[in-house]
Amino acid sequence: MTRLPPAAPRRGGVGGGKEAETRQIASSVLDADEGVKFTLTAIRSTAAPLRATVRLKVFVGQHGRLVLSDQVRVGAVDSWFWFPVTGRGPSASSRRRAPTPHPSR
């Protein structure tokens, strides 16, 4: 996945009065020919502002446009911390690093 620079916060309606702040944290096009795109979005908790829920959305190409195909919550509701997920150098990075080899004796 491609890590996006921190975006300006957006407000997304969740109903019930107070709106939750949302921020897209990653986006990736896996198949340009078929038009398959994935996005990860953090949704800030209105009950506990330091917490967030993360949602994965899948879009597929139909008639030259990307259309939402499926979406799923990643983990439990409010199980992520807002600032590490949305800030610079998040702790929940989608990139894996190879382990550093230890010298053998």
PDB file of N, CA and C in Angstrom:
ATOM      1  N   MET A   1       0.831  -1.181   0.000  1.00  0.00           N
ATOM      2  CA  MET A   1       0.000   0.000   0.000  1.00  0.00           C
ATOM      3  C   MET A   1       0.870   1.236   0.000  1.00  0.00           C
ATOM      4  N   THR A   2       0.342   2.285  -0.534  1.00  0.00           N
ATOM      5  CA  THR A   2       1.053   3.548  -0.597  1.00  0.00           C
ATOM      6  C   THR A   2       0.619   4.416   0.575  1.00  0.00           C
ATOM      7  N   ARG A   3       1.561   4.854   1.369  1.00  0.00           N
ATOM      8  CA  ARG A   3       1.276   5.727   2.507  1.00  0.00           C
ATOM      9  C   ARG A   3       1.060   7.126   1.983  1.00  0.00           C
ATOM     10  N   LEU A   4      -0.070   7.717   2.330  1.00  0.00           N
ATOM     11  CA  LEU A   4      -0.378   9.073   1.895  1.00  0.00           C
ATOM     12  C   LEU A   4       0.101  10.066   2.936  1.00  0.00           C
ATOM     13  N   PRO A   5       0.466  11.271   2.517  1.00  0.00           N
ATOM     14  CA  PRO A   5       0.821  12.294   3.498  1.00  0.00           C
ATOM     15  C   PRO A   5      -0.416  12.654   4.307  1.00  0.00           C
ATOM     16  N   PRO A   6      -0.227  13.121   5.540  1.00  0.00           N
ATOM     17  CA  PRO A   6      -1.395  13.485   6.340  1.00  0.00           C
ATOM     18  C   PRO A   6      -2.269  14.484   5.594  1.00  0.00           C
ATOM     19  N   ALA A   7      -3.529  14.160   5.519  1.00  0.00           N
ATOM     20  CA  ALA A   7      -4.479  15.009   4.812  1.00  0.00           C
ATOM     21  C   ALA A   7      -5.188  15.920   5.803  1.00  0.00           C
ATOM     22  N   ALA A   8      -5.759  16.963   5.262  1.00  0.00           N
ATOM     23  CA  ALA A   8      -6.559  17.839   6.108  1.00  0.00           C
ATOM     24  C   ALA A   8      -7.746  17.056   6.630  1.00  0.00           C
ATOM     25  N   PRO A   9      -8.087  17.218   7.908  1.00  0.00           N
ATOM     26  CA  PRO A   9      -9.202  16.465   8.453  1.00  0.00           C
ATOM     27  C   PRO A   9     -10.503  16.794   7.730  1.00  0.00           C
ATOM     28  N   ARG A  10     -11.323  15.778   7.554  1.00  0.00           N
ATOM     29  CA  ARG A  10     -12.651  15.967   6.978  1.00  0.00           C
ATOM     30  C   ARG A  10     -13.672  15.571   8.018  1.00  0.00           C
ATOM     31  N   ARG A  11     -14.839  16.060   7.853  1.00  0.00           N
ATOM     32  CA  ARG A  11     -15.924  15.688   8.756  1.00  0.00           C
ATOM     33  C   ARG A  11     -16.845  14.743   8.017  1.00  0.00           C
ATOM     34  N   GLY A  12     -17.154  13.623   8.640  1.00  0.00           N
ATOM     35  CA  GLY A  12     -18.046  12.651   8.020  1.00  0.00           C
ATOM     36  C   GLY A  12     -19.231  12.414   8.916  1.00  0.00           C
ATOM     37  N   GLY A  13     -20.413  12.432   8.354  1.00  0.00           N
ATOM     38  CA  GLY A  13     -21.617  12.253   9.153  1.00  0.00           C
ATOM     39  C   GLY A  13     -21.774  10.833   9.642  1.00  0.00           C
ATOM     40  N   VAL A  14     -22.085  10.670  10.923  1.00  0.00           N
ATOM     41  CA  VAL A  14     -22.367   9.358  11.477  1.00  0.00           C
ATOM     42  C   VAL A  14     -23.742   9.328  12.115  1.00  0.00           C
ATOM     43  N   GLY A  15     -24.457  10.417  12.031  1.00  0.00           N
ATOM     44  CA  GLY A  15     -25.792  10.484  12.628  1.00  0.00           C
ATOM     45  C   GLY A  15     -25.698  10.695  14.126  1.00  0.00           C
ATOM     46  N   GLY A  16     -26.822  10.938  14.744  1.00  0.00           N
ATOM     47  CA  GLY A  16     -26.881  11.090  16.190  1.00  0.00           C
ATOM     48  C   GLY A  16     -26.230  12.351  16.708  1.00  0.00           C
ATOM     49  N   GLY A  17     -26.243  13.439  15.958  1.00  0.00           N
ATOM     50  CA  GLY A  17     -25.730  14.705  16.458  1.00  0.00           C
ATOM     51  C   GLY A  17     -24.316  14.992  16.012  1.00  0.00           C
ATOM     52  N   LYS A  18     -23.346  14.748  16.918  1.00  0.00           N
ATOM     53  CA  LYS A  18     -21.954  15.084  16.658  1.00  0.00           C
ATOM     54  C   LYS A  18     -21.387  14.250  15.506  1.00  0.00           C
ATOM     55  N   GLU A  19     -20.677  14.919  14.597  1.00  0.00           N
ATOM     56  CA  GLU A  19     -20.084  14.237  13.457  1.00  0.00           C
ATOM     57  C   GLU A  19     -18.677  13.757  13.803  1.00  0.00           C
ATOM     58  N   ALA A  20     -18.320  12.589  13.296  1.00  0.00           N
ATOM     59  CA  ALA A  20     -16.994  12.034  13.533  1.00  0.00           C
ATOM     60  C   ALA A  20     -16.014  12.568  12.498  1.00  0.00           C
ATOM     61  N   GLU A  21     -14.809  12.867  12.941  1.00  0.00           N
ATOM     62  CA  GLU A  21     -13.750  13.290  12.034  1.00  0.00           C
ATOM     63  C   GLU A  21     -13.203  12.051  11.334  1.00  0.00           C
ATOM     64  N   THR A  22     -12.959  12.157  10.038  1.00  0.00           N
ATOM     65  CA  THR A  22     -12.399  11.028   9.296  1.00  0.00           C
ATOM     66  C   THR A  22     -11.146  11.470   8.561  1.00  0.00           C
ATOM     67  N   ARG A  23     -10.239  10.517   8.331  1.00  0.00           N
ATOM     68  CA  ARG A  23      -9.034  10.811   7.570  1.00  0.00           C
ATOM     69  C   ARG A  23      -8.613   9.554   6.807  1.00  0.00           C
ATOM     70  N   GLN A  24      -8.418   9.700   5.503  1.00  0.00           N
ATOM     71  CA  GLN A  24      -7.918   8.579   4.706  1.00  0.00           C
ATOM     72  C   GLN A  24      -6.456   8.407   5.040  1.00  0.00           C
ATOM     73  N   ILE A  25      -6.063   7.191   5.435  1.00  0.00           N
ATOM     74  CA  ILE A  25      -4.684   6.959   5.855  1.00  0.00           C
ATOM     75  C   ILE A  25      -3.875   6.170   4.837  1.00  0.00           C
ATOM     76  N   ALA A  26      -4.537   5.501   3.903  1.00  0.00           N
ATOM     77  CA  ALA A  26      -3.813   4.772   2.859  1.00  0.00           C
ATOM     78  C   ALA A  26      -4.741   4.485   1.690  1.00  0.00           C
ATOM     79  N   SER A  27      -4.139   4.337   0.517  1.00  0.00           N
ATOM     80  CA  SER A  27      -4.888   4.016  -0.685  1.00  0.00           C
ATOM     81  C   SER A  27      -3.964   3.262  -1.629  1.00  0.00           C
ATOM     82  N   SER A  28      -4.514   2.267  -2.324  1.00  0.00           N
ATOM     83  CA  SER A  28      -3.695   1.489  -3.242  1.00  0.00           C
ATOM     84  C   SER A  28      -4.546   0.997  -4.392  1.00  0.00           C
ATOM     85  N   VAL A  29      -4.004   1.109  -5.615  1.00  0.00           N
ATOM     86  CA  VAL A  29      -4.650   0.531  -6.790  1.00  0.00           C
ATOM     87  C   VAL A  29      -3.888  -0.747  -7.092  1.00  0.00           C
ATOM     88  N   LEU A  30      -4.559  -1.887  -6.958  1.00  0.00           N
ATOM     89  CA  LEU A  30      -3.891  -3.166  -7.145  1.00  0.00           C
ATOM     90  C   LEU A  30      -3.923  -3.650  -8.587  1.00  0.00           C
ATOM     91  N   ASP A  31      -4.952  -3.302  -9.314  1.00  0.00           N
ATOM     92  CA  ASP A  31      -5.061  -3.767 -10.695  1.00  0.00           C
ATOM     93  C   ASP A  31      -5.618  -2.626 -11.531  1.00  0.00           C
ATOM     94  N   ALA A  32      -4.716  -1.904 -12.183  1.00  0.00           N
ATOM     95  CA  ALA A  32      -5.129  -0.742 -12.967  1.00  0.00           C
ATOM     96  C   ALA A  32      -6.031  -1.138 -14.128  1.00  0.00           C
ATOM     97  N   ASP A  33      -5.801  -2.328 -14.722  1.00  0.00           N
ATOM     98  CA  ASP A  33      -6.626  -2.776 -15.850  1.00  0.00           C
ATOM     99  C   ASP A  33      -8.064  -3.045 -15.425  1.00  0.00           C
ATOM    100  N   GLU A  34      -8.230  -3.688 -14.276  1.00  0.00           N
ATOM    101  CA  GLU A  34      -9.569  -4.024 -13.786  1.00  0.00           C
ATOM    102  C   GLU A  34     -10.151  -2.910 -12.918  1.00  0.00           C
ATOM    103  N   GLY A  35      -9.308  -1.980 -12.478  1.00  0.00           N
ATOM    104  CA  GLY A  35      -9.783  -0.881 -11.657  1.00  0.00           C
ATOM    105  C   GLY A  35     -10.162  -1.314 -10.258  1.00  0.00           C
ATOM    106  N   VAL A  36      -9.234  -1.991  -9.557  1.00  0.00           N
ATOM    107  CA  VAL A  36      -9.466  -2.416  -8.178  1.00  0.00           C
ATOM    108  C   VAL A  36      -8.672  -1.504  -7.258  1.00  0.00           C
ATOM    109  N   LYS A  37      -9.363  -0.850  -6.323  1.00  0.00           N
ATOM    110  CA  LYS A  37      -8.729   0.098  -5.416  1.00  0.00           C
ATOM    111  C   LYS A  37      -9.157  -0.210  -3.986  1.00  0.00           C
ATOM    112  N   PHE A  38      -8.202  -0.095  -3.057  1.00  0.00           N
ATOM    113  CA  PHE A  38      -8.472  -0.273  -1.639  1.00  0.00           C
ATOM    114  C   PHE A  38      -8.153   1.033  -0.919  1.00  0.00           C
ATOM    115  N   THR A  39      -8.949   1.372   0.082  1.00  0.00           N
ATOM    116  CA  THR A  39      -8.637   2.529   0.923  1.00  0.00           C
ATOM    117  C   THR A  39      -8.795   2.145   2.388  1.00  0.00           C
ATOM    118  N   LEU A  40      -7.968   2.754   3.241  1.00  0.00           N
ATOM    119  CA  LEU A  40      -8.106   2.638   4.688  1.00  0.00           C
ATOM    120  C   LEU A  40      -8.449   4.025   5.221  1.00  0.00           C
ATOM    121  N   THR A  41      -9.487   4.090   6.031  1.00  0.00           N
ATOM    122  CA  THR A  41      -9.925   5.363   6.587  1.00  0.00           C
ATOM    123  C   THR A  41     -10.052   5.240   8.099  1.00  0.00           C
ATOM    124  N   ALA A  42      -9.501   6.213   8.817  1.00  0.00           N
ATOM    125  CA  ALA A  42      -9.656   6.284  10.271  1.00  0.00           C
ATOM    126  C   ALA A  42     -10.862   7.158  10.580  1.00  0.00           C
ATOM    127  N   ILE A  43     -11.702   6.692  11.515  1.00  0.00           N
ATOM    128  CA  ILE A  43     -12.890   7.426  11.938  1.00  0.00           C
ATOM    129  C   ILE A  43     -12.734   7.694  13.432  1.00  0.00           C
ATOM    130  N   ARG A  44     -12.588   8.956  13.774  1.00  0.00           N
ATOM    131  CA  ARG A  44     -12.343   9.327  15.168  1.00  0.00           C
ATOM    132  C   ARG A  44     -13.588   9.100  16.014  1.00  0.00           C
ATOM    133  N   SER A  45     -13.390   8.532  17.188  1.00  0.00           N
ATOM    134  CA  SER A  45     -14.504   8.265  18.092  1.00  0.00           C
ATOM    135  C   SER A  45     -15.094   9.569  18.614  1.00  0.00           C
ATOM    136  N   THR A  46     -16.412   9.642  18.663  1.00  0.00           N
ATOM    137  CA  THR A  46     -17.062  10.814  19.257  1.00  0.00           C
ATOM    138  C   THR A  46     -17.184  10.648  20.763  1.00  0.00           C
ATOM    139  N   ALA A  47     -17.074   9.404  21.262  1.00  0.00           N
ATOM    140  CA  ALA A  47     -17.174   9.148  22.696  1.00  0.00           C
ATOM    141  C   ALA A  47     -15.818   9.248  23.393  1.00  0.00           C
ATOM    142  N   ALA A  48     -14.757   8.824  22.698  1.00  0.00           N
ATOM    143  CA  ALA A  48     -13.399   8.839  23.252  1.00  0.00           C
ATOM    144  C   ALA A  48     -12.467   9.404  22.178  1.00  0.00           C
ATOM    145  N   PRO A  49     -12.220  10.726  22.174  1.00  0.00           N
ATOM    146  CA  PRO A  49     -11.513  11.388  21.086  1.00  0.00           C
ATOM    147  C   PRO A  49     -10.096  10.883  20.798  1.00  0.00           C
ATOM    148  N   LEU A  50      -9.474  10.152  21.703  1.00  0.00           N
ATOM    149  CA  LEU A  50      -8.144   9.616  21.443  1.00  0.00           C
ATOM    150  C   LEU A  50      -8.215   8.257  20.740  1.00  0.00           C
ATOM    151  N   ARG A  51      -9.418   7.735  20.546  1.00  0.00           N
ATOM    152  CA  ARG A  51      -9.620   6.424  19.935  1.00  0.00           C
ATOM    153  C   ARG A  51     -10.170   6.564  18.515  1.00  0.00           C
ATOM    154  N   ALA A  52     -10.011   5.507  17.725  1.00  0.00           N
ATOM    155  CA  ALA A  52     -10.503   5.527  16.351  1.00  0.00           C
ATOM    156  C   ALA A  52     -10.915   4.127  15.915  1.00  0.00           C
ATOM    157  N   THR A  53     -11.736   4.099  14.889  1.00  0.00           N
ATOM    158  CA  THR A  53     -12.113   2.878  14.206  1.00  0.00           C
ATOM    159  C   THR A  53     -11.527   2.980  12.804  1.00  0.00           C
ATOM    160  N   VAL A  54     -11.021   1.878  12.268  1.00  0.00           N
ATOM    161  CA  VAL A  54     -10.440   1.883  10.930  1.00  0.00           C
ATOM    162  C   VAL A  54     -11.331   1.053  10.012  1.00  0.00           C
ATOM    163  N   ARG A  55     -11.605   1.597   8.830  1.00  0.00           N
ATOM    164  CA  ARG A  55     -12.459   0.928   7.848  1.00  0.00           C
ATOM    165  C   ARG A  55     -11.702   0.725   6.549  1.00  0.00           C
ATOM    166  N   LEU A  56     -11.808  -0.497   6.009  1.00  0.00           N
ATOM    167  CA  LEU A  56     -11.232  -0.853   4.718  1.00  0.00           C
ATOM    168  C   LEU A  56     -12.357  -0.864   3.694  1.00  0.00           C
ATOM    169  N   LYS A  57     -12.156  -0.165   2.580  1.00  0.00           N
ATOM    170  CA  LYS A  57     -13.143  -0.147   1.500  1.00  0.00           C
ATOM    171  C   LYS A  57     -12.497  -0.654   0.217  1.00  0.00           C
ATOM    172  N   VAL A  58     -13.277  -1.395  -0.560  1.00  0.00           N
ATOM    173  CA  VAL A  58     -12.829  -1.929  -1.844  1.00  0.00           C
ATOM    174  C   VAL A  58     -13.702  -1.331  -2.937  1.00  0.00           C
ATOM    175  N   PHE A  59     -13.047  -0.784  -3.964  1.00  0.00           N
ATOM    176  CA  PHE A  59     -13.741  -0.206  -5.107  1.00  0.00           C
ATOM    177  C   PHE A  59     -13.347  -0.990  -6.353  1.00  0.00           C
ATOM    178  N   VAL A  60     -14.301  -1.214  -7.243  1.00  0.00           N
ATOM    179  CA  VAL A  60     -14.022  -1.890  -8.513  1.00  0.00           C
ATOM    180  C   VAL A  60     -14.517  -1.018  -9.657  1.00  0.00           C
ATOM    181  N   GLY A  61     -13.859  -1.164 -10.790  1.00  0.00           N
ATOM    182  CA  GLY A  61     -14.239  -0.388 -11.963  1.00  0.00           C
ATOM    183  C   GLY A  61     -15.500  -0.935 -12.622  1.00  0.00           C
ATOM    184  N   GLN A  62     -16.438  -0.041 -12.859  1.00  0.00           N
ATOM    185  CA  GLN A  62     -17.662  -0.384 -13.588  1.00  0.00           C
ATOM    186  C   GLN A  62     -18.001   0.780 -14.506  1.00  0.00           C
ATOM    187  N   HIS A  63     -18.022   0.508 -15.801  1.00  0.00           N
ATOM    188  CA  HIS A  63     -18.373   1.520 -16.801  1.00  0.00           C
ATOM    189  C   HIS A  63     -17.486   2.759 -16.688  1.00  0.00           C
ATOM    190  N   GLY A  64     -16.174   2.524 -16.445  1.00  0.00           N
ATOM    191  CA  GLY A  64     -15.222   3.626 -16.400  1.00  0.00           C
ATOM    192  C   GLY A  64     -15.173   4.390 -15.081  1.00  0.00           C
ATOM    193  N   ARG A  65     -15.903   3.916 -14.075  1.00  0.00           N
ATOM    194  CA  ARG A  65     -15.916   4.589 -12.761  1.00  0.00           C
ATOM    195  C   ARG A  65     -15.602   3.588 -11.667  1.00  0.00           C
ATOM    196  N   LEU A  66     -15.021   4.060 -10.576  1.00  0.00           N
ATOM    197  CA  LEU A  66     -14.807   3.199  -9.420  1.00  0.00           C
ATOM    198  C   LEU A  66     -16.051   3.227  -8.548  1.00  0.00           C
ATOM    199  N   VAL A  67     -16.571   2.043  -8.245  1.00  0.00           N
ATOM    200  CA  VAL A  67     -17.799   1.907  -7.464  1.00  0.00           C
ATOM    201  C   VAL A  67     -17.493   1.077  -6.222  1.00  0.00           C
ATOM    202  N   LEU A  68     -18.018   1.494  -5.067  1.00  0.00           N
ATOM    203  CA  LEU A  68     -17.822   0.757  -3.827  1.00  0.00           C
ATOM    204  C   LEU A  68     -18.352  -0.664  -3.976  1.00  0.00           C
ATOM    205  N   SER A  69     -17.490  -1.636  -3.729  1.00  0.00           N
ATOM    206  CA  SER A  69     -17.862  -3.044  -3.855  1.00  0.00           C
ATOM    207  C   SER A  69     -18.100  -3.670  -2.489  1.00  0.00           C
ATOM    208  N   ASP A  70     -17.237  -3.343  -1.508  1.00  0.00           N
ATOM    209  CA  ASP A  70     -17.345  -3.934  -0.182  1.00  0.00           C
ATOM    210  C   ASP A  70     -16.622  -3.052   0.816  1.00  0.00           C
ATOM    211  N   GLN A  71     -16.987  -3.202   2.082  1.00  0.00           N
ATOM    212  CA  GLN A  71     -16.286  -2.496   3.144  1.00  0.00           C
ATOM    213  C   GLN A  71     -16.360  -3.323   4.413  1.00  0.00           C
ATOM    214  N   VAL A  72     -15.332  -3.174   5.258  1.00  0.00           N
ATOM    215  CA  VAL A  72     -15.266  -3.932   6.500  1.00  0.00           C
ATOM    216  C   VAL A  72     -14.503  -3.117   7.536  1.00  0.00           C
ATOM    217  N   ARG A  73     -14.885  -3.279   8.784  1.00  0.00           N
ATOM    218  CA  ARG A  73     -14.179  -2.636   9.889  1.00  0.00           C
ATOM    219  C   ARG A  73     -12.931  -3.464  10.184  1.00  0.00           C
ATOM    220  N   VAL A  74     -11.805  -2.808  10.453  1.00  0.00           N
ATOM    221  CA  VAL A  74     -10.557  -3.485  10.782  1.00  0.00           C
ATOM    222  C   VAL A  74     -10.425  -3.485  12.304  1.00  0.00           C
ATOM    223  N   GLY A  75     -10.648  -4.629  12.930  1.00  0.00           N
ATOM    224  CA  GLY A  75     -10.615  -4.709  14.389  1.00  0.00           C
ATOM    225  C   GLY A  75     -11.923  -4.253  14.998  1.00  0.00           C
ATOM    226  N   ALA A  76     -11.918  -4.102  16.285  1.00  0.00           N
ATOM    227  CA  ALA A  76     -13.123  -3.693  17.022  1.00  0.00           C
ATOM    228  C   ALA A  76     -13.324  -2.184  16.930  1.00  0.00           C
ATOM    229  N   VAL A  77     -14.535  -1.747  17.229  1.00  0.00           N
ATOM    230  CA  VAL A  77     -14.851  -0.319  17.262  1.00  0.00           C
ATOM    231  C   VAL A  77     -13.965   0.360  18.304  1.00  0.00           C
ATOM    232  N   ASP A  78     -13.384   1.491  17.918  1.00  0.00           N
ATOM    233  CA  ASP A  78     -12.526   2.306  18.800  1.00  0.00           C
ATOM    234  C   ASP A  78     -11.329   1.529  19.351  1.00  0.00           C
ATOM    235  N   SER A  79     -10.804   0.581  18.578  1.00  0.00           N
ATOM    236  CA  SER A  79      -9.665  -0.209  19.054  1.00  0.00           C
ATOM    237  C   SER A  79      -8.318   0.348  18.598  1.00  0.00           C
ATOM    238  N   TRP A  80      -8.317   1.442  17.858  1.00  0.00           N
ATOM    239  CA  TRP A  80      -7.087   2.077  17.377  1.00  0.00           C
ATOM    240  C   TRP A  80      -6.906   3.410  18.092  1.00  0.00           C
ATOM    241  N   PHE A  81      -5.663   3.870  18.191  1.00  0.00           N
ATOM    242  CA  PHE A  81      -5.392   5.197  18.738  1.00  0.00           C
ATOM    243  C   PHE A  81      -5.346   6.187  17.581  1.00  0.00           C
ATOM    244  N   TRP A  82      -6.077   7.299  17.706  1.00  0.00           N
ATOM    245  CA  TRP A  82      -6.225   8.280  16.632  1.00  0.00           C
ATOM    246  C   TRP A  82      -4.887   8.841  16.164  1.00  0.00           C
ATOM    247  N   PHE A  83      -4.065   9.363  17.068  1.00  0.00           N
ATOM    248  CA  PHE A  83      -2.853  10.069  16.649  1.00  0.00           C
ATOM    249  C   PHE A  83      -1.807   9.155  16.018  1.00  0.00           C
ATOM    250  N   PRO A  84      -1.501   7.975  16.553  1.00  0.00           N
ATOM    251  CA  PRO A  84      -0.543   7.112  15.853  1.00  0.00           C
ATOM    252  C   PRO A  84      -1.036   6.666  14.475  1.00  0.00           C
ATOM    253  N   VAL A  85      -2.329   6.442  14.320  1.00  0.00           N
ATOM    254  CA  VAL A  85      -2.864   5.972  13.040  1.00  0.00           C
ATOM    255  C   VAL A  85      -2.869   7.095  12.000  1.00  0.00           C
ATOM    256  N   THR A  86      -3.176   8.318  12.394  1.00  0.00           N
ATOM    257  CA  THR A  86      -3.328   9.404  11.434  1.00  0.00           C
ATOM    258  C   THR A  86      -2.124  10.333  11.362  1.00  0.00           C
ATOM    259  N   GLY A  87      -1.220  10.227  12.313  1.00  0.00           N
ATOM    260  CA  GLY A  87      -0.104  11.157  12.350  1.00  0.00           C
ATOM    261  C   GLY A  87       1.097  10.707  11.547  1.00  0.00           C
ATOM    262  N   ARG A  88       2.156  11.442  11.654  1.00  0.00           N
ATOM    263  CA  ARG A  88       3.402  11.137  10.946  1.00  0.00           C
ATOM    264  C   ARG A  88       4.033   9.884  11.566  1.00  0.00           C
ATOM    265  N   GLY A  89       4.410   8.939  10.694  1.00  0.00           N
ATOM    266  CA  GLY A  89       5.049   7.717  11.165  1.00  0.00           C
ATOM    267  C   GLY A  89       4.151   6.862  12.027  1.00  0.00           C
ATOM    268  N   PRO A  90       2.992   6.436  11.512  1.00  0.00           N
ATOM    269  CA  PRO A  90       2.054   5.687  12.338  1.00  0.00           C
ATOM    270  C   PRO A  90       2.639   4.373  12.828  1.00  0.00           C
ATOM    271  N   SER A  91       2.185   3.936  13.986  1.00  0.00           N
ATOM    272  CA  SER A  91       2.679   2.679  14.541  1.00  0.00           C
ATOM    273  C   SER A  91       2.052   1.482  13.849  1.00  0.00           C
ATOM    274  N   ALA A  92       0.962   1.688  13.140  1.00  0.00           N
ATOM    275  CA  ALA A  92       0.275   0.595  12.458  1.00  0.00           C
ATOM    276  C   ALA A  92       0.549   0.673  10.962  1.00  0.00           C
ATOM    277  N   SER A  93       1.808   0.691  10.601  1.00  0.00           N
ATOM    278  CA  SER A  93       2.192   0.807   9.200  1.00  0.00           C
ATOM    279  C   SER A  93       1.848  -0.458   8.434  1.00  0.00           C
ATOM    280  N   SER A  94       1.480  -0.293   7.172  1.00  0.00           N
ATOM    281  CA  SER A  94       1.145  -1.440   6.345  1.00  0.00           C
ATOM    282  C   SER A  94       2.393  -2.061   5.721  1.00  0.00           C
ATOM    283  N   ARG A  95       3.537  -1.459   5.905  1.00  0.00           N
ATOM    284  CA  ARG A  95       4.781  -1.991   5.345  1.00  0.00           C
ATOM    285  C   ARG A  95       5.455  -2.891   6.363  1.00  0.00           C
ATOM    286  N   ARG A  96       5.987  -3.992   5.878  1.00  0.00           N
ATOM    287  CA  ARG A  96       6.726  -4.914   6.741  1.00  0.00           C
ATOM    288  C   ARG A  96       8.201  -4.788   6.422  1.00  0.00           C
ATOM    289  N   ARG A  97       8.989  -4.791   7.438  1.00  0.00           N
ATOM    290  CA  ARG A  97      10.440  -4.750   7.254  1.00  0.00           C
ATOM    291  C   ARG A  97      10.987  -6.140   7.511  1.00  0.00           C
ATOM    292  N   ALA A  98      11.976  -6.488   6.736  1.00  0.00           N
ATOM    293  CA  ALA A  98      12.631  -7.770   6.955  1.00  0.00           C
ATOM    294  C   ALA A  98      13.386  -7.702   8.276  1.00  0.00           C
ATOM    295  N   PRO A  99      13.387  -8.786   9.033  1.00  0.00           N
ATOM    296  CA  PRO A  99      14.117  -8.765  10.307  1.00  0.00           C
ATOM    297  C   PRO A  99      15.601  -8.577  10.052  1.00  0.00           C
ATOM    298  N   THR A 100      16.254  -7.888  10.954  1.00  0.00           N
ATOM    299  CA  THR A 100      17.688  -7.673  10.867  1.00  0.00           C
ATOM    300  C   THR A 100      18.389  -8.980  11.217  1.00  0.00           C
ATOM    301  N   PRO A 101      19.252  -9.450  10.331  1.00  0.00           N
ATOM    302  CA  PRO A 101      19.921 -10.721  10.639  1.00  0.00           C
ATOM    303  C   PRO A 101      20.886 -10.569  11.821  1.00  0.00           C
ATOM    304  N   HIS A 102      20.911 -11.590  12.667  1.00  0.00           N
ATOM    305  CA  HIS A 102      21.828 -11.586  13.796  1.00  0.00           C
ATOM    306  C   HIS A 102      23.068 -12.375  13.404  1.00  0.00           C
ATOM    307  N   PRO A 103      24.235 -11.895  13.785  1.00  0.00           N
ATOM    308  CA  PRO A 103      25.451 -12.638  13.418  1.00  0.00           C
ATOM    309  C   PRO A 103      25.464 -14.000  14.115  1.00  0.00           C
ATOM    310  N   SER A 104      25.881 -15.004  13.385  1.00  0.00           N
ATOM    311  CA  SER A 104      25.995 -16.326  13.999  1.00  0.00           C
ATOM    312  C   SER A 104      27.399 -16.503  14.566  1.00  0.00           C
ATOM    313  N   ARG A 105      27.520 -17.224  15.616  1.00  0.00           N
ATOM    314  CA  ARG A 105      28.825 -17.397  16.282  1.00  0.00           C
ATOM    315  C   ARG A 105      29.367 -18.752  16.021  1.00  0.00           C
TER     316      ARG A 105
END
